[in-house]
Amino acid sequence: MRLTFRAPLWQWQVRTDSWWFVTVPPDESDTLAELPLPPRGFGSIKVTVTVGGTTWSTSVFPSDEQKGYVLPMKKAVRHAEGLGPGDVVDVTLEPVGT
């Protein structure tokens, strides 16, 4: 299964650390929530993600605040793809194990 979407990059700050995310849109989040996958910590789902020319493995996490799943965006990816705050990101996301 391959999901593609566009969403803005946003920052969540905890203490002195900054975390960057893209929120998975509602329809795609609903699709992820319905996958018959074994339970993982914090309700996460392992995924392979491609943004531009960069592909990596990570997990998406459910977020009540964002009303769906959120995708963490590593610093290396943001720099490699020239992404900054509020930039709209084209994402291809493939759940692992489906």
PDB file of N, CA and C in Angstrom:
ATOM      1  N   MET A   1       0.846  -1.174   0.000  1.00  0.00           N
ATOM      2  CA  MET A   1       0.000   0.000   0.000  1.00  0.00           C
ATOM      3  C   MET A   1       0.887   1.232   0.000  1.00  0.00           C
ATOM      4  N   ARG A   2       0.551   2.176  -0.834  1.00  0.00           N
ATOM      5  CA  ARG A   2       1.306   3.420  -0.938  1.00  0.00           C
ATOM      6  C   ARG A   2       0.333   4.591  -0.808  1.00  0.00           C
ATOM      7  N   LEU A   3       0.622   5.495   0.130  1.00  0.00           N
ATOM      8  CA  LEU A   3      -0.189   6.697   0.317  1.00  0.00           C
ATOM      9  C   LEU A   3       0.636   7.901  -0.117  1.00  0.00           C
ATOM     10  N   THR A   4       0.036   8.800  -0.869  1.00  0.00           N
ATOM     11  CA  THR A   4       0.706  10.045  -1.243  1.00  0.00           C
ATOM     12  C   THR A   4      -0.160  11.214  -0.811  1.00  0.00           C
ATOM     13  N   PHE A   5       0.506  12.261  -0.329  1.00  0.00           N
ATOM     14  CA  PHE A   5      -0.221  13.448   0.112  1.00  0.00           C
ATOM     15  C   PHE A   5       0.715  14.641   0.181  1.00  0.00           C
ATOM     16  N   ARG A   6       0.119  15.820   0.335  1.00  0.00           N
ATOM     17  CA  ARG A   6       0.859  17.074   0.540  1.00  0.00           C
ATOM     18  C   ARG A   6       0.385  17.667   1.855  1.00  0.00           C
ATOM     19  N   ALA A   7       1.348  18.154   2.644  1.00  0.00           N
ATOM     20  CA  ALA A   7       0.996  18.758   3.925  1.00  0.00           C
ATOM     21  C   ALA A   7       2.132  19.676   4.378  1.00  0.00           C
ATOM     22  N   PRO A   8       1.807  20.714   5.154  1.00  0.00           N
ATOM     23  CA  PRO A   8       2.844  21.642   5.596  1.00  0.00           C
ATOM     24  C   PRO A   8       3.718  21.069   6.715  1.00  0.00           C
ATOM     25  N   LEU A   9       4.959  21.513   6.721  1.00  0.00           N
ATOM     26  CA  LEU A   9       5.917  21.183   7.769  1.00  0.00           C
ATOM     27  C   LEU A   9       5.665  22.108   8.952  1.00  0.00           C
ATOM     28  N   TRP A  10       5.600  21.538  10.158  1.00  0.00           N
ATOM     29  CA  TRP A  10       5.367  22.363  11.343  1.00  0.00           C
ATOM     30  C   TRP A  10       6.260  21.908  12.489  1.00  0.00           C
ATOM     31  N   GLN A  11       6.464  22.824  13.428  1.00  0.00           N
ATOM     32  CA  GLN A  11       7.382  22.583  14.538  1.00  0.00           C
ATOM     33  C   GLN A  11       6.631  22.435  15.849  1.00  0.00           C
ATOM     34  N   TRP A  12       7.063  21.450  16.632  1.00  0.00           N
ATOM     35  CA  TRP A  12       6.547  21.241  17.995  1.00  0.00           C
ATOM     36  C   TRP A  12       7.733  21.343  18.918  1.00  0.00           C
ATOM     37  N   GLN A  13       7.640  22.233  19.893  1.00  0.00           N
ATOM     38  CA  GLN A  13       8.760  22.432  20.797  1.00  0.00           C
ATOM     39  C   GLN A  13       8.472  21.830  22.154  1.00  0.00           C
ATOM     40  N   VAL A  14       9.446  21.073  22.639  1.00  0.00           N
ATOM     41  CA  VAL A  14       9.373  20.491  23.967  1.00  0.00           C
ATOM     42  C   VAL A  14      10.660  20.900  24.675  1.00  0.00           C
ATOM     43  N   ARG A  15      10.489  21.614  25.770  1.00  0.00           N
ATOM     44  CA  ARG A  15      11.660  22.121  26.487  1.00  0.00           C
ATOM     45  C   ARG A  15      12.570  22.845  25.511  1.00  0.00           C
ATOM     46  N   THR A  16      13.832  22.429  25.416  1.00  0.00           N
ATOM     47  CA  THR A  16      14.760  23.109  24.506  1.00  0.00           C
ATOM     48  C   THR A  16      14.892  22.400  23.166  1.00  0.00           C
ATOM     49  N   ASP A  17      14.230  21.255  23.018  1.00  0.00           N
ATOM     50  CA  ASP A  17      14.317  20.500  21.769  1.00  0.00           C
ATOM     51  C   ASP A  17      13.219  20.925  20.797  1.00  0.00           C
ATOM     52  N   SER A  18      13.550  20.900  19.528  1.00  0.00           N
ATOM     53  CA  SER A  18      12.557  21.163  18.487  1.00  0.00           C
ATOM     54  C   SER A  18      12.317  19.882  17.708  1.00  0.00           C
ATOM     55  N   TRP A  19      11.069  19.567  17.494  1.00  0.00           N
ATOM     56  CA  TRP A  19      10.684  18.418  16.687  1.00  0.00           C
ATOM     57  C   TRP A  19       9.864  18.937  15.519  1.00  0.00           C
ATOM     58  N   TRP A  20      10.112  18.402  14.349  1.00  0.00           N
ATOM     59  CA  TRP A  20       9.418  18.817  13.142  1.00  0.00           C
ATOM     60  C   TRP A  20       8.570  17.672  12.620  1.00  0.00           C
ATOM     61  N   PHE A  21       7.378  18.004  12.152  1.00  0.00           N
ATOM     62  CA  PHE A  21       6.422  16.996  11.709  1.00  0.00           C
ATOM     63  C   PHE A  21       5.676  17.456  10.469  1.00  0.00           C
ATOM     64  N   VAL A  22       5.070  16.487   9.808  1.00  0.00           N
ATOM     65  CA  VAL A  22       4.039  16.690   8.800  1.00  0.00           C
ATOM     66  C   VAL A  22       2.846  15.889   9.294  1.00  0.00           C
ATOM     67  N   THR A  23       1.671  16.495   9.287  1.00  0.00           N
ATOM     68  CA  THR A  23       0.459  15.794   9.701  1.00  0.00           C
ATOM     69  C   THR A  23      -0.116  15.023   8.516  1.00  0.00           C
ATOM     70  N   VAL A  24      -0.343  13.750   8.728  1.00  0.00           N
ATOM     71  CA  VAL A  24      -0.966  12.917   7.696  1.00  0.00           C
ATOM     72  C   VAL A  24      -2.439  13.351   7.600  1.00  0.00           C
ATOM     73  N   PRO A  25      -2.929  13.687   6.408  1.00  0.00           N
ATOM     74  CA  PRO A  25      -4.316  14.153   6.261  1.00  0.00           C
ATOM     75  C   PRO A  25      -5.343  13.134   6.770  1.00  0.00           C
ATOM     76  N   PRO A  26      -6.570  13.606   7.061  1.00  0.00           N
ATOM     77  CA  PRO A  26      -7.602  12.743   7.659  1.00  0.00           C
ATOM     78  C   PRO A  26      -7.889  11.442   6.894  1.00  0.00           C
ATOM     79  N   ASP A  27      -8.071  11.500   5.586  1.00  0.00           N
ATOM     80  CA  ASP A  27      -8.397  10.277   4.841  1.00  0.00           C
ATOM     81  C   ASP A  27      -7.265   9.249   4.930  1.00  0.00           C
ATOM     82  N   GLU A  28      -6.029   9.721   4.784  1.00  0.00           N
ATOM     83  CA  GLU A  28      -4.882   8.820   4.861  1.00  0.00           C
ATOM     84  C   GLU A  28      -4.682   8.320   6.296  1.00  0.00           C
ATOM     85  N   SER A  29      -4.939   9.174   7.288  1.00  0.00           N
ATOM     86  CA  SER A  29      -4.858   8.745   8.690  1.00  0.00           C
ATOM     87  C   SER A  29      -5.885   7.662   8.986  1.00  0.00           C
ATOM     88  N   ASP A  30      -7.097   7.823   8.444  1.00  0.00           N
ATOM     89  CA  ASP A  30      -8.131   6.799   8.633  1.00  0.00           C
ATOM     90  C   ASP A  30      -7.700   5.475   8.017  1.00  0.00           C
ATOM     91  N   THR A  31      -7.085   5.532   6.832  1.00  0.00           N
ATOM     92  CA  THR A  31      -6.596   4.318   6.183  1.00  0.00           C
ATOM     93  C   THR A  31      -5.546   3.637   7.054  1.00  0.00           C
ATOM     94  N   LEU A  32      -4.610   4.414   7.600  1.00  0.00           N
ATOM     95  CA  LEU A  32      -3.579   3.849   8.482  1.00  0.00           C
ATOM     96  C   LEU A  32      -4.194   3.221   9.729  1.00  0.00           C
ATOM     97  N   ALA A  33      -5.180   3.895  10.321  1.00  0.00           N
ATOM     98  CA  ALA A  33      -5.807   3.407  11.554  1.00  0.00           C
ATOM     99  C   ALA A  33      -6.523   2.078  11.342  1.00  0.00           C
ATOM    100  N   GLU A  34      -6.958   1.800  10.122  1.00  0.00           N
ATOM    101  CA  GLU A  34      -7.698   0.574   9.828  1.00  0.00           C
ATOM    102  C   GLU A  34      -6.805  -0.606   9.448  1.00  0.00           C
ATOM    103  N   LEU A  35      -5.500  -0.385   9.345  1.00  0.00           N
ATOM    104  CA  LEU A  35      -4.606  -1.471   8.946  1.00  0.00           C
ATOM    105  C   LEU A  35      -4.546  -2.551  10.017  1.00  0.00           C
ATOM    106  N   PRO A  36      -4.579  -3.809   9.597  1.00  0.00           N
ATOM    107  CA  PRO A  36      -4.493  -4.920  10.554  1.00  0.00           C
ATOM    108  C   PRO A  36      -3.035  -5.220  10.913  1.00  0.00           C
ATOM    109  N   LEU A  37      -2.449  -4.344  11.713  1.00  0.00           N
ATOM    110  CA  LEU A  37      -1.057  -4.495  12.111  1.00  0.00           C
ATOM    111  C   LEU A  37      -0.970  -4.836  13.593  1.00  0.00           C
ATOM    112  N   PRO A  38       0.097  -5.527  13.994  1.00  0.00           N
ATOM    113  CA  PRO A  38       0.259  -5.812  15.423  1.00  0.00           C
ATOM    114  C   PRO A  38       0.479  -4.513  16.190  1.00  0.00           C
ATOM    115  N   PRO A  39       0.020  -4.460  17.449  1.00  0.00           N
ATOM    116  CA  PRO A  39       0.177  -3.233  18.237  1.00  0.00           C
ATOM    117  C   PRO A  39       1.654  -2.912  18.468  1.00  0.00           C
ATOM    118  N   ARG A  40       1.971  -1.615  18.429  1.00  0.00           N
ATOM    119  CA  ARG A  40       3.324  -1.123  18.683  1.00  0.00           C
ATOM    120  C   ARG A  40       3.244   0.000  19.710  1.00  0.00           C
ATOM    121  N   GLY A  41       4.379   0.338  20.271  1.00  0.00           N
ATOM    122  CA  GLY A  41       4.439   1.390  21.277  1.00  0.00           C
ATOM    123  C   GLY A  41       3.828   2.696  20.813  1.00  0.00           C
ATOM    124  N   PHE A  42       3.037   3.290  21.674  1.00  0.00           N
ATOM    125  CA  PHE A  42       2.376   4.577  21.422  1.00  0.00           C
ATOM    126  C   PHE A  42       1.433   4.534  20.228  1.00  0.00           C
ATOM    127  N   GLY A  43       1.058   3.344  19.771  1.00  0.00           N
ATOM    128  CA  GLY A  43       0.172   3.231  18.618  1.00  0.00           C
ATOM    129  C   GLY A  43       0.855   3.533  17.297  1.00  0.00           C
ATOM    130  N   SER A  44       2.189   3.490  17.288  1.00  0.00           N
ATOM    131  CA  SER A  44       2.941   3.842  16.084  1.00  0.00           C
ATOM    132  C   SER A  44       2.803   2.778  14.997  1.00  0.00           C
ATOM    133  N   ILE A  45       3.073   3.205  13.774  1.00  0.00           N
ATOM    134  CA  ILE A  45       3.071   2.321  12.611  1.00  0.00           C
ATOM    135  C   ILE A  45       4.393   2.523  11.881  1.00  0.00           C
ATOM    136  N   LYS A  46       5.126   1.430  11.648  1.00  0.00           N
ATOM    137  CA  LYS A  46       6.380   1.515  10.895  1.00  0.00           C
ATOM    138  C   LYS A  46       6.068   1.829   9.439  1.00  0.00           C
ATOM    139  N   VAL A  47       6.852   2.762   8.870  1.00  0.00           N
ATOM    140  CA  VAL A  47       6.637   3.175   7.485  1.00  0.00           C
ATOM    141  C   VAL A  47       7.974   3.412   6.794  1.00  0.00           C
ATOM    142  N   THR A  48       7.930   3.340   5.475  1.00  0.00           N
ATOM    143  CA  THR A  48       9.014   3.834   4.634  1.00  0.00           C
ATOM    144  C   THR A  48       8.475   5.093   3.972  1.00  0.00           C
ATOM    145  N   VAL A  49       9.271   6.150   4.009  1.00  0.00           N
ATOM    146  CA  VAL A  49       8.812   7.462   3.536  1.00  0.00           C
ATOM    147  C   VAL A  49       9.758   7.971   2.458  1.00  0.00           C
ATOM    148  N   THR A  50       9.173   8.605   1.447  1.00  0.00           N
ATOM    149  CA  THR A  50       9.971   9.301   0.443  1.00  0.00           C
ATOM    150  C   THR A  50       9.485  10.739   0.358  1.00  0.00           C
ATOM    151  N   VAL A  51      10.438  11.651   0.472  1.00  0.00           N
ATOM    152  CA  VAL A  51      10.203  13.079   0.268  1.00  0.00           C
ATOM    153  C   VAL A  51      11.278  13.538  -0.708  1.00  0.00           C
ATOM    154  N   GLY A  52      10.856  14.000  -1.878  1.00  0.00           N
ATOM    155  CA  GLY A  52      11.829  14.388  -2.895  1.00  0.00           C
ATOM    156  C   GLY A  52      12.693  13.197  -3.262  1.00  0.00           C
ATOM    157  N   GLY A  53      14.019  13.364  -3.159  1.00  0.00           N
ATOM    158  CA  GLY A  53      14.945  12.292  -3.477  1.00  0.00           C
ATOM    159  C   GLY A  53      15.417  11.515  -2.268  1.00  0.00           C
ATOM    160  N   THR A  54      14.780  11.736  -1.120  1.00  0.00           N
ATOM    161  CA  THR A  54      15.204  11.100   0.127  1.00  0.00           C
ATOM    162  C   THR A  54      14.182  10.062   0.574  1.00  0.00           C
ATOM    163  N   THR A  55      14.657   8.841   0.853  1.00  0.00           N
ATOM    164  CA  THR A  55      13.810   7.762   1.369  1.00  0.00           C
ATOM    165  C   THR A  55      14.412   7.282   2.672  1.00  0.00           C
ATOM    166  N   TRP A  56      13.567   7.053   3.688  1.00  0.00           N
ATOM    167  CA  TRP A  56      14.036   6.570   4.977  1.00  0.00           C
ATOM    168  C   TRP A  56      12.941   5.785   5.676  1.00  0.00           C
ATOM    169  N   SER A  57      13.347   5.036   6.706  1.00  0.00           N
ATOM    170  CA  SER A  57      12.413   4.271   7.531  1.00  0.00           C
ATOM    171  C   SER A  57      12.189   5.016   8.832  1.00  0.00           C
ATOM    172  N   THR A  58      10.934   5.051   9.268  1.00  0.00           N
ATOM    173  CA  THR A  58      10.568   5.714  10.516  1.00  0.00           C
ATOM    174  C   THR A  58       9.226   5.141  10.957  1.00  0.00           C
ATOM    175  N   SER A  59       8.560   5.832  11.849  1.00  0.00           N
ATOM    176  CA  SER A  59       7.206   5.469  12.273  1.00  0.00           C
ATOM    177  C   SER A  59       6.348   6.718  12.270  1.00  0.00           C
ATOM    178  N   VAL A  60       5.052   6.540  12.044  1.00  0.00           N
ATOM    179  CA  VAL A  60       4.086   7.609  12.249  1.00  0.00           C
ATOM    180  C   VAL A  60       3.382   7.332  13.568  1.00  0.00           C
ATOM    181  N   PHE A  61       2.940   8.402  14.217  1.00  0.00           N
ATOM    182  CA  PHE A  61       2.349   8.296  15.550  1.00  0.00           C
ATOM    183  C   PHE A  61       0.982   8.956  15.577  1.00  0.00           C
ATOM    184  N   PRO A  62       0.012   8.345  16.265  1.00  0.00           N
ATOM    185  CA  PRO A  62      -1.294   8.987  16.390  1.00  0.00           C
ATOM    186  C   PRO A  62      -1.186  10.227  17.273  1.00  0.00           C
ATOM    187  N   SER A  63      -1.942  11.249  16.913  1.00  0.00           N
ATOM    188  CA  SER A  63      -1.952  12.490  17.675  1.00  0.00           C
ATOM    189  C   SER A  63      -3.383  12.975  17.829  1.00  0.00           C
ATOM    190  N   ASP A  64      -3.858  13.002  19.070  1.00  0.00           N
ATOM    191  CA  ASP A  64      -5.196  13.546  19.318  1.00  0.00           C
ATOM    192  C   ASP A  64      -5.243  15.024  18.947  1.00  0.00           C
ATOM    193  N   GLU A  65      -4.168  15.730  19.249  1.00  0.00           N
ATOM    194  CA  GLU A  65      -4.101  17.168  18.967  1.00  0.00           C
ATOM    195  C   GLU A  65      -4.216  17.453  17.467  1.00  0.00           C
ATOM    196  N   GLN A  66      -3.559  16.624  16.655  1.00  0.00           N
ATOM    197  CA  GLN A  66      -3.577  16.815  15.202  1.00  0.00           C
ATOM    198  C   GLN A  66      -4.713  16.048  14.522  1.00  0.00           C
ATOM    199  N   LYS A  67      -5.424  15.243  15.298  1.00  0.00           N
ATOM    200  CA  LYS A  67      -6.569  14.468  14.792  1.00  0.00           C
ATOM    201  C   LYS A  67      -6.174  13.536  13.651  1.00  0.00           C
ATOM    202  N   GLY A  68      -5.094  12.813  13.862  1.00  0.00           N
ATOM    203  CA  GLY A  68      -4.605  11.878  12.869  1.00  0.00           C
ATOM    204  C   GLY A  68      -3.203  11.453  13.237  1.00  0.00           C
ATOM    205  N   TYR A  69      -2.478  10.976  12.265  1.00  0.00           N
ATOM    206  CA  TYR A  69      -1.095  10.565  12.488  1.00  0.00           C
ATOM    207  C   TYR A  69      -0.153  11.705  12.140  1.00  0.00           C
ATOM    208  N   VAL A  70       1.011  11.709  12.798  1.00  0.00           N
ATOM    209  CA  VAL A  70       2.042  12.684  12.481  1.00  0.00           C
ATOM    210  C   VAL A  70       3.312  11.947  12.069  1.00  0.00           C
ATOM    211  N   LEU A  71       4.000  12.523  11.104  1.00  0.00           N
ATOM    212  CA  LEU A  71       5.228  11.979  10.557  1.00  0.00           C
ATOM    213  C   LEU A  71       6.390  12.857  10.996  1.00  0.00           C
ATOM    214  N   PRO A  72       7.322  12.315  11.807  1.00  0.00           N
ATOM    215  CA  PRO A  72       8.483  13.120  12.184  1.00  0.00           C
ATOM    216  C   PRO A  72       9.399  13.331  10.975  1.00  0.00           C
ATOM    217  N   MET A  73       9.900  14.545  10.837  1.00  0.00           N
ATOM    218  CA  MET A  73      10.777  14.896   9.722  1.00  0.00           C
ATOM    219  C   MET A  73      12.184  15.149  10.249  1.00  0.00           C
ATOM    220  N   LYS A  74      13.084  14.205   9.993  1.00  0.00           N
ATOM    221  CA  LYS A  74      14.453  14.289  10.477  1.00  0.00           C
ATOM    222  C   LYS A  74      15.170  15.516   9.907  1.00  0.00           C
ATOM    223  N   LYS A  75      16.089  16.035  10.725  1.00  0.00           N
ATOM    224  CA  LYS A  75      16.882  17.194  10.317  1.00  0.00           C
ATOM    225  C   LYS A  75      17.611  16.927   8.998  1.00  0.00           C
ATOM    226  N   ALA A  76      18.195  15.740   8.873  1.00  0.00           N
ATOM    227  CA  ALA A  76      18.934  15.400   7.653  1.00  0.00           C
ATOM    228  C   ALA A  76      18.039  15.470   6.419  1.00  0.00           C
ATOM    229  N   VAL A  77      16.793  15.043   6.553  1.00  0.00           N
ATOM    230  CA  VAL A  77      15.850  15.084   5.434  1.00  0.00           C
ATOM    231  C   VAL A  77      15.478  16.528   5.126  1.00  0.00           C
ATOM    232  N   ARG A  78      15.156  17.301   6.169  1.00  0.00           N
ATOM    233  CA  ARG A  78      14.791  18.709   5.957  1.00  0.00           C
ATOM    234  C   ARG A  78      15.902  19.462   5.240  1.00  0.00           C
ATOM    235  N   HIS A  79      17.131  19.224   5.648  1.00  0.00           N
ATOM    236  CA  HIS A  79      18.264  19.910   5.011  1.00  0.00           C
ATOM    237  C   HIS A  79      18.502  19.403   3.594  1.00  0.00           C
ATOM    238  N   ALA A  80      18.466  18.092   3.398  1.00  0.00           N
ATOM    239  CA  ALA A  80      18.695  17.523   2.074  1.00  0.00           C
ATOM    240  C   ALA A  80      17.667  18.011   1.057  1.00  0.00           C
ATOM    241  N   GLU A  81      16.432  18.217   1.514  1.00  0.00           N
ATOM    242  CA  GLU A  81      15.342  18.621   0.620  1.00  0.00           C
ATOM    243  C   GLU A  81      15.060  20.118   0.664  1.00  0.00           C
ATOM    244  N   GLY A  82      15.836  20.867   1.454  1.00  0.00           N
ATOM    245  CA  GLY A  82      15.667  22.327   1.523  1.00  0.00           C
ATOM    246  C   GLY A  82      14.335  22.753   2.108  1.00  0.00           C
ATOM    247  N   LEU A  83      13.846  22.025   3.112  1.00  0.00           N
ATOM    248  CA  LEU A  83      12.532  22.308   3.696  1.00  0.00           C
ATOM    249  C   LEU A  83      12.653  23.213   4.908  1.00  0.00           C
ATOM    250  N   GLY A  84      11.732  24.163   5.000  1.00  0.00           N
ATOM    251  CA  GLY A  84      11.681  25.067   6.137  1.00  0.00           C
ATOM    252  C   GLY A  84      10.278  25.163   6.687  1.00  0.00           C
ATOM    253  N   PRO A  85      10.103  25.912   7.778  1.00  0.00           N
ATOM    254  CA  PRO A  85       8.800  26.041   8.430  1.00  0.00           C
ATOM    255  C   PRO A  85       7.691  26.440   7.456  1.00  0.00           C
ATOM    256  N   GLY A  86       6.605  25.702   7.498  1.00  0.00           N
ATOM    257  CA  GLY A  86       5.435  26.013   6.684  1.00  0.00           C
ATOM    258  C   GLY A  86       5.509  25.528   5.247  1.00  0.00           C
ATOM    259  N   ASP A  87       6.679  25.043   4.807  1.00  0.00           N
ATOM    260  CA  ASP A  87       6.771  24.524   3.442  1.00  0.00           C
ATOM    261  C   ASP A  87       5.808  23.355   3.279  1.00  0.00           C
ATOM    262  N   VAL A  88       5.189  23.278   2.115  1.00  0.00           N
ATOM    263  CA  VAL A  88       4.313  22.155   1.813  1.00  0.00           C
ATOM    264  C   VAL A  88       5.185  21.020   1.289  1.00  0.00           C
ATOM    265  N   VAL A  89       5.014  19.847   1.899  1.00  0.00           N
ATOM    266  CA  VAL A  89       5.857  18.697   1.618  1.00  0.00           C
ATOM    267  C   VAL A  89       5.053  17.644   0.852  1.00  0.00           C
ATOM    268  N   ASP A  90       5.623  17.152  -0.249  1.00  0.00           N
ATOM    269  CA  ASP A  90       5.036  16.031  -0.989  1.00  0.00           C
ATOM    270  C   ASP A  90       5.595  14.751  -0.385  1.00  0.00           C
ATOM    271  N   VAL A  91       4.697  13.913   0.123  1.00  0.00           N
ATOM    272  CA  VAL A  91       5.090  12.720   0.869  1.00  0.00           C
ATOM    273  C   VAL A  91       4.527  11.465   0.203  1.00  0.00           C
ATOM    274  N   THR A  92       5.384  10.446   0.089  1.00  0.00           N
ATOM    275  CA  THR A  92       4.933   9.101  -0.246  1.00  0.00           C
ATOM    276  C   THR A  92       5.248   8.238   0.968  1.00  0.00           C
ATOM    277  N   LEU A  93       4.240   7.575   1.482  1.00  0.00           N
ATOM    278  CA  LEU A  93       4.366   6.817   2.727  1.00  0.00           C
ATOM    279  C   LEU A  93       3.864   5.396   2.483  1.00  0.00           C
ATOM    280  N   GLU A  94       4.686   4.413   2.856  1.00  0.00           N
ATOM    281  CA  GLU A  94       4.314   3.011   2.690  1.00  0.00           C
ATOM    282  C   GLU A  94       4.416   2.301   4.025  1.00  0.00           C
ATOM    283  N   PRO A  95       3.289   1.841   4.582  1.00  0.00           N
ATOM    284  CA  PRO A  95       3.344   1.072   5.824  1.00  0.00           C
ATOM    285  C   PRO A  95       4.152  -0.202   5.616  1.00  0.00           C
ATOM    286  N   VAL A  96       4.961  -0.559   6.592  1.00  0.00           N
ATOM    287  CA  VAL A  96       5.790  -1.752   6.537  1.00  0.00           C
ATOM    288  C   VAL A  96       4.981  -2.913   7.120  1.00  0.00           C
ATOM    289  N   GLY A  97       4.977  -4.040   6.432  1.00  0.00           N
ATOM    290  CA  GLY A  97       4.283  -5.218   6.937  1.00  0.00           C
ATOM    291  C   GLY A  97       2.847  -5.344   6.486  1.00  0.00           C
ATOM    292  N   THR A  98       2.452  -4.585   5.461  1.00  0.00           N
ATOM    293  CA  THR A  98       1.081  -4.701   4.950  1.00  0.00           C
ATOM    294  C   THR A  98       1.070  -5.476   3.661  1.00  0.00           C
TER     295      THR A  98
END
